[in-house]
Amino acid sequence: MRRLRGLRWSMMGLLMVGSTVNYLTRSTLSVAAPNILKDLHIAEQQYSWIASGFQVAIMLQPICGYVMDTLGLKLGFAIFATAWSFICMSHGFAGSWQALFGLRTLLGFAEGSANPAGMKATSEWFPAKERGLAGGFFNMGASLGSMLAAPLVAWAILTHSWQFAFVLTGGIGLIWVALWLAFYDSPARHKALSPEERAYIVAGQETHLAGEGRPSIAKIVSQRNFWGIAIPRFLADPTWGTLTIWLPLYLTKVREFDLKQIALFAWLPFLAADLGCMFGGTISIFLQKYTGMRLIDARRSAFTVGALMMVGVAFAGTVQNAYVAVGLLSLAGFAHQTLSVTVITMASDLFKRNEVATVAGMAGTCGNGGVLIFNLLMGALVASIGYTPFFIGLAALDLIGAVVLWTVVRERRDAAIPAVT
């Protein structure tokens, strides 16, 4: 096979497309929610239960990470992606909230594989100095998938039906699985990886993070660094859950947007989130290169910048102009992905490469636990107290997360981390 230059970025591009499909399929429900709730006579609280089924199941993503650490990323991720594609398509045949609850639960488990897969690939394919940027590139898929969902699902509903929207997005997932199986492999096995690029990747990775064998969950949870990244994810991830689960309903019921306006404006917070993914990774590189800051401190600084920008979302519910509210929610998307990509990437900075997918999955469990609790509170209270208290809460939680990140995480001072040049 012909050697390819910069193959690591092609592999991350393939994973980013997979993440895009992952979030496109999971976001189909939220965009179609106003139509589904009307057609199937589902109340807002029942909708929160449906969404919570997904959040409970996605908390099992350490199982996904363990499977991929054991079977290998190529086969393991293909199994989960095939499953989520068929489950998404099955949503189009649901006729009650109970059926949707069951399908969302299955979908949540299968889709919990995405972030562990991305972090495992990042740890294998990239030197330390590029992992923040690579992680940001991968996490663009979450924003891009959520962004594409609004116009694509709205088009499917307007031209056919909400049932067709699920079949369409699930079918796209199966196409991606075929591409994944055809083109992806690990650095150790990929025939198109040049000796020069292989040497560049290995030389830039931390020797103290090399590891083999099955990961030990008991060992992972006994380390303060795990909780140092898991707790901030618990506090920060409700922002993403609010944008992906509740944004279309908020714009419909509070700002009185119709389906065409949803298609025109609901994707903007996710476009901003895409930019935030790259911004977060860039901050870390800039601080290391121009200030001499160590890797972990640079990650924490990027998280703090994002947390400070999140203060803007606190005012989204109080402004009178609907388009200003969309702008503030877009700022929230940018700020959240700025901080999110940094704390997610830290799994590959602090843990051995044979543990990364498991650690990312376990931290993701904590993050989705935060989304679950926040989602249930919104379902129970939003009808009576509105959205404004929840927007204020999102801003406060991220600031607390920054404090935890600075006080709990410890970087090994004797660790040999290649310098950024």
Protein backbone atom coordinates (compact mmCIF):
# COMPACT_ATOMS: atom_id res chain seq x y z
CA MET A 1 0.00 0.00 0.00
CA ARG A 2 1.24 3.51 -0.84
CA ARG A 3 2.48 5.45 2.20
CA LEU A 4 0.40 8.54 3.04
CA ARG A 5 1.72 11.75 4.58
CA GLY A 6 -0.03 12.98 7.72
CA LEU A 7 -1.98 9.75 8.00
CA ARG A 8 -2.73 10.44 11.67
CA TRP A 9 -4.90 13.39 10.66
CA SER A 10 -6.75 11.29 8.08
CA MET A 11 -7.52 8.72 10.79
CA MET A 12 -8.74 11.44 13.12
CA GLY A 13 -10.83 12.86 10.28
CA LEU A 14 -12.48 9.48 9.86
CA LEU A 15 -13.20 9.37 13.59
CA MET A 16 -14.52 12.94 13.50
CA VAL A 17 -16.99 11.92 10.79
CA GLY A 18 -18.01 8.99 13.00
CA SER A 19 -18.58 11.38 15.90
CA THR A 20 -20.63 13.59 13.56
CA VAL A 21 -22.86 10.64 12.67
CA ASN A 22 -23.10 9.69 16.34
CA TYR A 23 -24.42 13.10 17.32
CA LEU A 24 -26.57 13.42 14.22
CA THR A 25 -28.45 10.25 15.15
CA ARG A 26 -28.80 11.16 18.83
CA SER A 27 -29.94 14.71 17.99
CA THR A 28 -32.67 13.56 15.60
CA LEU A 29 -35.11 13.17 18.48
CA SER A 30 -34.66 16.67 19.88
CA VAL A 31 -35.23 18.35 16.51
CA ALA A 32 -38.26 16.17 15.79
CA ALA A 33 -39.55 16.46 19.38
CA PRO A 34 -42.22 19.17 18.78
CA ASN A 35 -43.80 17.00 16.06
CA ILE A 36 -43.41 13.73 17.97
CA LEU A 37 -44.86 15.14 21.19
CA LYS A 38 -47.85 16.45 19.26
CA ASP A 39 -48.47 13.30 17.19
CA LEU A 40 -48.01 10.80 20.04
CA HIS A 41 -49.56 13.02 22.76
CA ILE A 42 -46.43 13.03 24.90
CA ALA A 43 -46.05 15.54 27.75
CA GLU A 44 -42.84 17.42 28.58
CA GLN A 45 -42.25 15.31 31.68
CA GLN A 46 -42.61 12.10 29.66
CA TYR A 47 -40.19 13.57 27.15
CA SER A 48 -37.68 14.10 29.97
CA TRP A 49 -38.10 10.41 30.91
CA ILE A 50 -37.40 9.39 27.30
CA ALA A 51 -34.27 11.54 27.25
CA SER A 52 -33.26 10.18 30.66
CA GLY A 53 -33.37 6.61 29.36
CA PHE A 54 -30.61 7.61 26.95
CA GLN A 55 -28.61 9.32 29.71
CA VAL A 56 -28.84 6.35 32.07
CA ALA A 57 -27.67 3.94 29.38
CA ILE A 58 -24.83 6.14 28.11
CA MET A 59 -23.46 6.11 31.66
CA LEU A 60 -22.49 2.51 30.89
CA GLN A 61 -19.84 3.74 28.46
CA PRO A 62 -17.00 2.33 30.61
CA ILE A 63 -18.21 -1.02 29.29
CA CYS A 64 -17.82 0.31 25.76
CA GLY A 65 -14.34 1.59 26.58
CA TYR A 66 -13.35 -1.73 28.16
CA VAL A 67 -14.62 -3.64 25.11
CA MET A 68 -12.60 -1.43 22.76
CA ASP A 69 -9.50 -1.66 24.96
CA THR A 70 -9.90 -5.46 24.85
CA LEU A 71 -11.08 -6.18 21.27
CA GLY A 72 -9.25 -3.30 19.65
CA LEU A 73 -10.65 -0.01 18.43
CA LYS A 74 -11.41 -1.02 14.84
CA LEU A 75 -13.66 -4.01 15.60
CA GLY A 76 -15.12 -2.70 18.85
CA PHE A 77 -16.22 0.66 17.48
CA ALA A 78 -17.64 -0.95 14.33
CA ILE A 79 -19.88 -3.18 16.47
CA PHE A 80 -21.25 -0.26 18.46
CA ALA A 81 -21.72 1.99 15.41
CA THR A 82 -23.66 -0.71 13.56
CA ALA A 83 -25.89 -1.16 16.60
CA TRP A 84 -26.66 2.54 17.04
CA SER A 85 -27.48 2.91 13.33
CA PHE A 86 -30.12 0.17 13.38
CA ILE A 87 -31.53 1.36 16.71
CA CYS A 88 -31.88 4.91 15.35
CA MET A 89 -33.78 3.63 12.32
CA SER A 90 -36.11 1.70 14.65
CA HIS A 91 -37.22 4.98 16.27
CA GLY A 92 -39.28 5.63 13.15
CA PHE A 93 -41.55 2.70 14.07
CA ALA A 94 -42.26 3.79 17.67
CA GLY A 95 -45.88 4.55 18.52
CA SER A 96 -45.71 5.54 22.19
CA TRP A 97 -43.46 7.20 24.71
CA GLN A 98 -42.73 3.80 26.26
CA ALA A 99 -41.39 2.50 22.94
CA LEU A 100 -39.28 5.61 22.50
CA PHE A 101 -37.97 5.21 26.04
CA GLY A 102 -36.83 1.66 25.32
CA LEU A 103 -35.16 2.60 22.04
CA ARG A 104 -33.45 5.65 23.52
CA THR A 105 -32.06 3.45 26.29
CA LEU A 106 -30.55 1.03 23.77
CA LEU A 107 -29.26 3.92 21.69
CA GLY A 108 -27.59 5.50 24.71
CA PHE A 109 -25.60 2.37 25.46
CA ALA A 110 -24.37 1.94 21.88
CA GLU A 111 -23.55 5.62 21.39
CA GLY A 112 -21.56 5.74 24.62
CA SER A 113 -18.70 4.27 22.60
CA ALA A 114 -17.88 7.48 20.69
CA ASN A 115 -15.85 9.48 23.21
CA PRO A 116 -13.81 6.51 24.50
CA ALA A 117 -13.06 5.63 20.87
CA GLY A 118 -11.90 9.15 20.07
CA MET A 119 -9.65 9.40 23.12
CA LYS A 120 -8.14 5.96 22.51
CA ALA A 121 -7.32 6.91 18.92
CA THR A 122 -5.88 10.24 20.08
CA SER A 123 -3.57 8.53 22.56
CA GLU A 124 -2.38 6.01 19.94
CA TRP A 125 -2.02 8.24 16.87
CA PHE A 126 -0.69 11.55 18.23
CA PRO A 127 2.30 12.91 20.11
CA ALA A 128 1.55 14.76 23.33
CA LYS A 129 1.92 18.23 21.84
CA GLU A 130 -0.79 17.56 19.24
CA ARG A 131 -3.34 15.73 21.39
CA GLY A 132 -5.24 18.85 22.43
CA LEU A 133 -5.69 19.94 18.83
CA ALA A 134 -6.49 16.38 17.73
CA GLY A 135 -9.03 16.06 20.53
CA GLY A 136 -10.60 19.34 19.48
CA PHE A 137 -10.77 18.14 15.88
CA PHE A 138 -12.47 14.92 17.00
CA ASN A 139 -14.92 16.76 19.25
CA MET A 140 -15.95 18.97 16.36
CA GLY A 141 -17.99 15.94 15.31
CA ALA A 142 -20.28 16.37 18.31
CA SER A 143 -21.02 19.96 17.35
CA LEU A 144 -21.16 19.27 13.63
CA GLY A 145 -23.59 16.36 14.03
CA SER A 146 -25.86 18.41 16.28
CA MET A 147 -25.62 21.34 13.87
CA LEU A 148 -26.52 19.24 10.82
CA ALA A 149 -29.45 17.66 12.63
CA ALA A 150 -31.54 20.85 12.64
CA PRO A 151 -31.72 21.49 8.87
CA LEU A 152 -31.54 17.82 7.83
CA VAL A 153 -34.24 16.56 10.20
CA ALA A 154 -36.45 19.59 9.53
CA TRP A 155 -36.13 18.91 5.79
CA ALA A 156 -37.03 15.23 6.29
CA ILE A 157 -40.11 16.17 8.31
CA LEU A 158 -41.25 18.90 5.93
CA THR A 159 -40.84 16.69 2.85
CA HIS A 160 -41.95 13.37 4.32
CA SER A 161 -42.37 12.66 8.07
CA TRP A 162 -40.56 12.54 11.39
CA GLN A 163 -40.39 8.75 11.02
CA PHE A 164 -38.38 9.15 7.80
CA ALA A 165 -35.91 11.41 9.63
CA PHE A 166 -34.82 8.54 11.89
CA VAL A 167 -34.49 6.09 8.99
CA LEU A 168 -32.41 8.63 7.06
CA THR A 169 -29.93 9.41 9.84
CA GLY A 170 -29.60 5.75 10.83
CA GLY A 171 -28.86 4.83 7.22
CA ILE A 172 -26.07 7.42 7.13
CA GLY A 173 -24.55 5.62 10.12
CA LEU A 174 -24.33 2.32 8.22
CA ILE A 175 -22.52 4.03 5.35
CA TRP A 176 -19.92 5.34 7.81
CA VAL A 177 -19.38 1.86 9.30
CA ALA A 178 -18.43 0.56 5.85
CA LEU A 179 -15.88 3.39 5.48
CA TRP A 180 -14.49 2.72 8.96
CA LEU A 181 -13.91 -0.97 8.30
CA ALA A 182 -12.33 -0.23 4.93
CA PHE A 183 -9.85 2.47 5.99
CA TYR A 184 -9.11 2.42 9.74
CA ASP A 185 -6.41 0.48 11.55
CA SER A 186 -4.09 1.03 14.51
CA PRO A 187 -0.68 2.68 14.02
CA ALA A 188 0.99 -0.65 14.69
CA ARG A 189 -0.92 -2.34 11.86
CA HIS A 190 -1.73 0.36 9.31
CA LYS A 191 0.12 -0.39 6.06
CA ALA A 192 -0.09 3.20 4.80
CA LEU A 193 1.75 4.67 7.82
CA SER A 194 5.24 5.77 6.84
CA PRO A 195 8.25 4.89 9.04
CA GLU A 196 8.96 8.63 9.44
CA GLU A 197 5.47 9.42 10.76
CA ARG A 198 5.50 6.35 13.01
CA ALA A 199 8.81 7.50 14.51
CA TYR A 200 7.44 11.06 14.93
CA ILE A 201 4.40 9.80 16.85
CA VAL A 202 6.40 7.50 19.13
CA ALA A 203 9.08 10.12 19.86
CA GLY A 204 6.44 12.63 20.95
CA GLN A 205 4.59 10.35 23.38
CA GLU A 206 5.27 10.11 27.10
CA THR A 207 7.23 6.99 27.96
CA HIS A 208 5.63 6.79 31.41
CA LEU A 209 2.18 6.39 29.80
CA ALA A 210 3.07 3.29 27.81
CA GLY A 211 1.05 0.30 28.96
CA GLU A 212 -0.11 -3.15 27.97
CA GLY A 213 -2.76 -5.59 29.08
CA ARG A 214 -6.25 -5.10 30.42
CA PRO A 215 -6.98 -1.94 32.42
CA SER A 216 -7.80 -2.19 36.13
CA ILE A 217 -10.94 -0.26 37.03
CA ALA A 218 -10.15 -0.52 40.74
CA LYS A 219 -6.76 1.06 40.15
CA ILE A 220 -8.25 3.84 38.04
CA VAL A 221 -10.91 4.90 40.57
CA SER A 222 -8.30 4.94 43.35
CA GLN A 223 -6.41 7.76 41.65
CA ARG A 224 -7.21 11.39 42.45
CA ASN A 225 -6.53 12.38 38.84
CA PHE A 226 -9.50 10.34 37.71
CA TRP A 227 -11.83 12.25 40.03
CA GLY A 228 -10.07 15.47 39.09
CA ILE A 229 -11.35 15.12 35.52
CA ALA A 230 -14.57 13.18 36.26
CA ILE A 231 -16.08 15.75 38.65
CA PRO A 232 -15.60 18.71 36.26
CA ARG A 233 -17.27 16.63 33.56
CA PHE A 234 -20.19 15.95 35.92
CA LEU A 235 -20.54 19.69 36.44
CA ALA A 236 -19.94 20.83 32.83
CA ASP A 237 -21.76 18.29 30.67
CA PRO A 238 -25.29 19.50 31.56
CA THR A 239 -24.66 22.44 29.22
CA TRP A 240 -24.29 20.10 26.26
CA GLY A 241 -27.30 18.08 27.39
CA THR A 242 -29.40 21.24 27.58
CA LEU A 243 -28.41 22.33 24.07
CA THR A 244 -28.96 18.93 22.46
CA ILE A 245 -32.11 17.88 24.36
CA TRP A 246 -34.00 21.06 25.18
CA LEU A 247 -32.93 23.77 22.71
CA PRO A 248 -35.58 23.09 20.00
CA LEU A 249 -38.35 22.91 22.62
CA TYR A 250 -37.12 26.11 24.26
CA LEU A 251 -37.07 27.96 20.96
CA THR A 252 -40.51 26.61 20.07
CA LYS A 253 -42.35 27.13 23.35
CA VAL A 254 -40.61 30.18 24.83
CA ARG A 255 -39.30 32.06 21.78
CA GLU A 256 -42.22 30.90 19.55
CA PHE A 257 -40.06 29.66 16.65
CA ASP A 258 -41.72 27.48 14.01
CA LEU A 259 -40.05 24.49 12.32
CA LYS A 260 -38.55 26.63 9.55
CA GLN A 261 -37.04 29.01 12.10
CA ILE A 262 -35.67 26.02 14.01
CA ALA A 263 -33.98 24.89 10.79
CA LEU A 264 -32.53 28.38 10.29
CA PHE A 265 -31.30 29.11 13.82
CA ALA A 266 -31.10 25.99 16.03
CA TRP A 267 -27.80 24.92 14.45
CA LEU A 268 -25.95 28.14 15.33
CA PRO A 269 -24.94 27.12 18.90
CA PHE A 270 -23.39 23.99 17.41
CA LEU A 271 -21.50 25.92 14.76
CA ALA A 272 -20.09 28.06 17.57
CA ALA A 273 -19.29 24.85 19.45
CA ASP A 274 -17.24 23.63 16.48
CA LEU A 275 -15.12 26.77 16.71
CA GLY A 276 -14.81 26.25 20.45
CA CYS A 277 -13.38 22.76 19.92
CA MET A 278 -10.44 24.16 17.96
CA PHE A 279 -10.09 27.19 20.25
CA GLY A 280 -9.66 25.03 23.34
CA GLY A 281 -6.93 22.94 21.74
CA THR A 282 -5.19 26.02 20.38
CA ILE A 283 -5.07 27.74 23.79
CA SER A 284 -3.18 24.78 25.25
CA ILE A 285 -0.61 24.79 22.44
CA PHE A 286 -0.17 28.59 22.64
CA LEU A 287 0.40 28.56 26.41
CA GLN A 288 2.93 25.74 26.22
CA LYS A 289 4.84 27.25 23.32
CA TYR A 290 4.94 30.92 24.30
CA THR A 291 4.78 30.89 28.11
CA GLY A 292 6.55 27.64 28.91
CA MET A 293 3.51 26.41 30.81
CA ARG A 294 3.41 22.68 31.49
CA LEU A 295 0.89 20.51 29.64
CA ILE A 296 -1.65 19.98 32.44
CA ASP A 297 -1.56 23.61 33.57
CA ALA A 298 -2.19 24.67 29.97
CA ARG A 299 -5.21 22.35 29.82
CA ARG A 300 -6.56 23.77 33.10
CA SER A 301 -6.09 27.32 31.87
CA ALA A 302 -8.05 26.58 28.70
CA PHE A 303 -10.87 25.07 30.80
CA THR A 304 -10.94 28.20 32.97
CA VAL A 305 -11.21 30.48 29.94
CA GLY A 306 -14.22 28.47 28.77
CA ALA A 307 -15.81 28.58 32.23
CA LEU A 308 -15.51 32.37 32.38
CA MET A 309 -17.13 32.73 28.95
CA MET A 310 -20.00 30.49 30.12
CA VAL A 311 -21.20 33.30 32.37
CA GLY A 312 -22.94 34.75 29.30
CA VAL A 313 -25.51 31.93 29.20
CA ALA A 314 -26.87 33.07 32.57
CA PHE A 315 -28.55 35.98 30.75
CA ALA A 316 -30.08 33.92 27.90
CA GLY A 317 -33.44 33.61 29.64
CA THR A 318 -33.74 37.27 30.64
CA VAL A 319 -33.13 39.06 27.32
CA GLN A 320 -36.25 40.11 25.41
CA ASN A 321 -34.94 39.65 21.88
CA ALA A 322 -35.11 36.03 20.72
CA TYR A 323 -32.12 36.41 18.42
CA VAL A 324 -29.96 37.81 21.23
CA ALA A 325 -30.94 34.73 23.22
CA VAL A 326 -29.78 32.53 20.32
CA GLY A 327 -26.51 34.49 20.33
CA LEU A 328 -25.98 33.87 24.05
CA LEU A 329 -26.77 30.18 23.61
CA SER A 330 -24.24 30.13 20.78
CA LEU A 331 -21.69 31.64 23.16
CA ALA A 332 -22.55 28.81 25.54
CA GLY A 333 -21.84 26.27 22.81
CA PHE A 334 -18.47 27.91 22.04
CA ALA A 335 -17.50 28.18 25.71
CA HIS A 336 -18.60 24.67 26.61
CA GLN A 337 -16.60 23.00 23.85
CA THR A 338 -13.59 25.16 24.70
CA LEU A 339 -13.53 23.69 28.19
CA SER A 340 -14.97 20.28 27.37
CA VAL A 341 -12.33 19.29 24.83
CA THR A 342 -9.57 20.12 27.31
CA VAL A 343 -10.90 18.02 30.18
CA ILE A 344 -11.79 15.11 27.88
CA THR A 345 -8.29 15.13 26.36
CA MET A 346 -6.74 14.96 29.82
CA ALA A 347 -7.65 11.27 29.98
CA SER A 348 -4.88 10.69 27.43
CA ASP A 349 -2.50 13.05 29.28
CA LEU A 350 -2.77 11.40 32.68
CA PHE A 351 -3.38 7.69 32.08
CA LYS A 352 -1.61 4.85 30.31
CA ARG A 353 -2.55 4.18 26.71
CA ASN A 354 -4.12 0.80 27.52
CA GLU A 355 -6.39 2.59 30.04
CA VAL A 356 -7.47 5.63 28.03
CA ALA A 357 -10.72 4.31 26.53
CA THR A 358 -11.80 2.91 29.90
CA VAL A 359 -10.93 6.15 31.74
CA ALA A 360 -12.69 8.26 29.10
CA GLY A 361 -15.74 6.04 29.41
CA MET A 362 -15.78 6.26 33.20
CA ALA A 363 -15.38 10.04 33.15
CA GLY A 364 -18.12 10.13 30.53
CA THR A 365 -20.35 8.21 32.95
CA CYS A 366 -19.91 11.00 35.47
CA GLY A 367 -20.58 13.63 32.82
CA ASN A 368 -23.76 11.93 31.67
CA GLY A 369 -24.80 11.48 35.27
CA GLY A 370 -24.77 15.26 35.53
CA VAL A 371 -26.82 15.52 32.33
CA LEU A 372 -29.31 12.98 33.68
CA ILE A 373 -29.91 14.83 36.94
CA PHE A 374 -30.14 18.21 35.21
CA ASN A 375 -32.50 16.81 32.57
CA LEU A 376 -34.86 15.31 35.17
CA LEU A 377 -34.91 18.59 37.09
CA MET A 378 -35.75 20.47 33.91
CA GLY A 379 -38.51 18.01 33.05
CA ALA A 380 -40.05 18.36 36.49
CA LEU A 381 -39.66 22.12 36.97
CA VAL A 382 -39.35 23.94 33.64
CA ALA A 383 -43.10 24.20 33.19
CA SER A 384 -43.44 26.01 36.53
CA ILE A 385 -40.24 28.06 36.92
CA GLY A 386 -39.08 28.42 33.31
CA TYR A 387 -35.64 28.06 31.78
CA THR A 388 -33.85 31.05 33.31
CA PRO A 389 -32.82 29.40 36.64
CA PHE A 390 -31.33 26.50 34.69
CA PHE A 391 -29.30 28.80 32.44
CA ILE A 392 -27.89 30.51 35.55
CA GLY A 393 -27.09 27.11 37.04
CA LEU A 394 -25.09 26.06 33.98
CA ALA A 395 -22.80 29.07 34.32
CA ALA A 396 -22.22 28.44 38.03
CA LEU A 397 -21.48 24.73 37.60
CA ASP A 398 -18.66 25.37 35.10
CA LEU A 399 -16.95 27.84 37.42
CA ILE A 400 -17.04 25.24 40.20
CA GLY A 401 -15.63 22.69 37.75
CA ALA A 402 -12.63 24.95 37.06
CA VAL A 403 -11.88 25.15 40.79
CA VAL A 404 -12.00 21.35 41.09
CA LEU A 405 -9.69 20.89 38.10
CA TRP A 406 -7.06 23.19 39.60
CA THR A 407 -7.21 21.74 43.11
CA VAL A 408 -7.56 17.99 42.52
CA VAL A 409 -5.52 17.07 39.42
CA ARG A 410 -1.79 16.52 39.95
CA GLU A 411 0.77 16.28 37.14
CA ARG A 412 3.80 14.10 37.70
CA ARG A 413 6.67 16.55 37.94
CA ASP A 414 9.15 13.84 37.01
CA ALA A 415 7.20 12.95 33.86
CA ALA A 416 9.16 13.38 30.64
CA ILE A 417 6.72 15.34 28.44
CA PRO A 418 8.12 16.40 25.05
CA ALA A 419 8.27 20.17 24.67
CA VAL A 420 6.10 22.08 22.20
CA THR A 421 8.20 23.71 19.48
